[in-house]
Amino acid sequence: MTTTAIFCRERAEQSARDAASAQLDNVRDRYLRAAVAWGEMATRAEKTAERRAVNDHAKVDFSVD
C-alpha cells in the first residue's frame, strides 16, 4: 500500500471516530461524509499503485548491452 493510501485510510478512520463523538447532527454528518471521501481517495490510490506496478512490470527492458 502506498503512503498516500495509508494516509487516506488513517484520515478516514479519524473522521469516523470524530463522527462517533460529535454531539451535533450537522457536525456528525460532515465527519461521516469526510470519512467516505477519504475512503474513496484511499481506494483510488491503491488502484493507481496496483496499475502502476502492473505497467512497470510490463515494461521489462529486453535490450542487450
C-alpha atoms as a PDB file:
ATOM      1  CA  MET A   1       0.000   0.000   0.000  1.00  0.00           C
ATOM      2  CA  THR A   2       1.317   3.432  -0.845  1.00  0.00           C
ATOM      3  CA  THR A   3       1.964   6.192   1.646  1.00  0.00           C
ATOM      4  CA  THR A   4      -0.901   8.178   0.137  1.00  0.00           C
ATOM      5  CA  ALA A   5      -3.344   5.293   0.581  1.00  0.00           C
ATOM      6  CA  ILE A   6      -2.195   4.747   4.161  1.00  0.00           C
ATOM      7  CA  PHE A   7      -2.607   8.444   4.919  1.00  0.00           C
ATOM      8  CA  CYS A   8      -6.111   8.470   3.413  1.00  0.00           C
ATOM      9  CA  ARG A   9      -7.141   5.365   5.386  1.00  0.00           C
ATOM     10  CA  GLU A  10      -5.891   6.981   8.595  1.00  0.00           C
ATOM     11  CA  ARG A  11      -7.867  10.156   7.840  1.00  0.00           C
ATOM     12  CA  ALA A  12     -10.993   8.080   7.116  1.00  0.00           C
ATOM     13  CA  GLU A  13     -10.636   6.275  10.435  1.00  0.00           C
ATOM     14  CA  GLN A  14     -10.090   9.552  12.307  1.00  0.00           C
ATOM     15  CA  SER A  15     -13.142  11.098  10.658  1.00  0.00           C
ATOM     16  CA  ALA A  16     -15.237   8.083  11.656  1.00  0.00           C
ATOM     17  CA  ARG A  17     -14.023   8.414  15.264  1.00  0.00           C
ATOM     18  CA  ASP A  18     -14.774  12.134  15.222  1.00  0.00           C
ATOM     19  CA  ALA A  19     -18.261  11.410  13.892  1.00  0.00           C
ATOM     20  CA  ALA A  20     -18.879   8.951  16.708  1.00  0.00           C
ATOM     21  CA  SER A  21     -18.023  11.572  19.308  1.00  0.00           C
ATOM     22  CA  ALA A  22     -19.779  14.519  17.651  1.00  0.00           C
ATOM     23  CA  GLN A  23     -22.769  15.861  19.525  1.00  0.00           C
ATOM     24  CA  LEU A  24     -24.314  17.959  16.776  1.00  0.00           C
ATOM     25  CA  ASP A  25     -26.034  16.221  13.869  1.00  0.00           C
ATOM     26  CA  ASN A  26     -24.582  18.514  11.214  1.00  0.00           C
ATOM     27  CA  VAL A  27     -21.056  18.020  12.562  1.00  0.00           C
ATOM     28  CA  ARG A  28     -21.537  14.248  12.690  1.00  0.00           C
ATOM     29  CA  ASP A  29     -22.804  14.266   9.101  1.00  0.00           C
ATOM     30  CA  ARG A  30     -19.823  16.329   7.968  1.00  0.00           C
ATOM     31  CA  TYR A  31     -17.396  13.865   9.580  1.00  0.00           C
ATOM     32  CA  LEU A  32     -19.229  10.907   8.049  1.00  0.00           C
ATOM     33  CA  ARG A  33     -19.070  12.497   4.593  1.00  0.00           C
ATOM     34  CA  ALA A  34     -15.367  13.136   5.129  1.00  0.00           C
ATOM     35  CA  ALA A  35     -14.806   9.509   6.167  1.00  0.00           C
ATOM     36  CA  VAL A  36     -16.458   8.306   2.958  1.00  0.00           C
ATOM     37  CA  ALA A  37     -14.454  10.744   0.823  1.00  0.00           C
ATOM     38  CA  TRP A  38     -11.145   9.754   2.456  1.00  0.00           C
ATOM     39  CA  GLY A  39     -12.018   6.084   1.988  1.00  0.00           C
ATOM     40  CA  GLU A  40     -12.715   6.641  -1.705  1.00  0.00           C
ATOM     41  CA  MET A  41      -9.429   8.505  -2.122  1.00  0.00           C
ATOM     42  CA  ALA A  42      -7.570   5.632  -0.440  1.00  0.00           C
ATOM     43  CA  THR A  43      -9.208   3.111  -2.758  1.00  0.00           C
ATOM     44  CA  ARG A  44      -8.271   5.187  -5.815  1.00  0.00           C
ATOM     45  CA  ALA A  45      -4.682   5.495  -4.577  1.00  0.00           C
ATOM     46  CA  GLU A  46      -4.454   1.728  -4.067  1.00  0.00           C
ATOM     47  CA  LYS A  47      -5.838   1.001  -7.535  1.00  0.00           C
ATOM     48  CA  THR A  48      -3.447   3.501  -9.089  1.00  0.00           C
ATOM     49  CA  ALA A  49      -0.485   1.881  -7.331  1.00  0.00           C
ATOM     50  CA  GLU A  50      -1.615  -1.562  -8.495  1.00  0.00           C
ATOM     51  CA  ARG A  51      -1.976  -0.388 -12.107  1.00  0.00           C
ATOM     52  CA  ARG A  52       1.403   1.330 -11.946  1.00  0.00           C
ATOM     53  CA  ALA A  53       3.047  -1.877 -10.694  1.00  0.00           C
ATOM     54  CA  VAL A  54       1.452  -3.900 -13.493  1.00  0.00           C
ATOM     55  CA  ASN A  55       2.525  -1.345 -16.098  1.00  0.00           C
ATOM     56  CA  ASP A  56       6.073  -1.193 -14.732  1.00  0.00           C
ATOM     57  CA  HIS A  57       6.277  -4.980 -14.822  1.00  0.00           C
ATOM     58  CA  ALA A  58       5.081  -4.984 -18.437  1.00  0.00           C
ATOM     59  CA  LYS A  59       7.836  -2.542 -19.399  1.00  0.00           C
ATOM     60  CA  VAL A  60      10.604  -5.052 -18.900  1.00  0.00           C
ATOM     61  CA  ASP A  61      13.729  -3.916 -20.668  1.00  0.00           C
ATOM     62  CA  PHE A  62      14.707  -6.545 -23.226  1.00  0.00           C
ATOM     63  CA  SER A  63      17.628  -4.611 -24.683  1.00  0.00           C
ATOM     64  CA  VAL A  64      21.044  -6.201 -24.674  1.00  0.00           C
ATOM     65  CA  ASP A  65      24.160  -4.146 -23.923  1.00  0.00           C
END
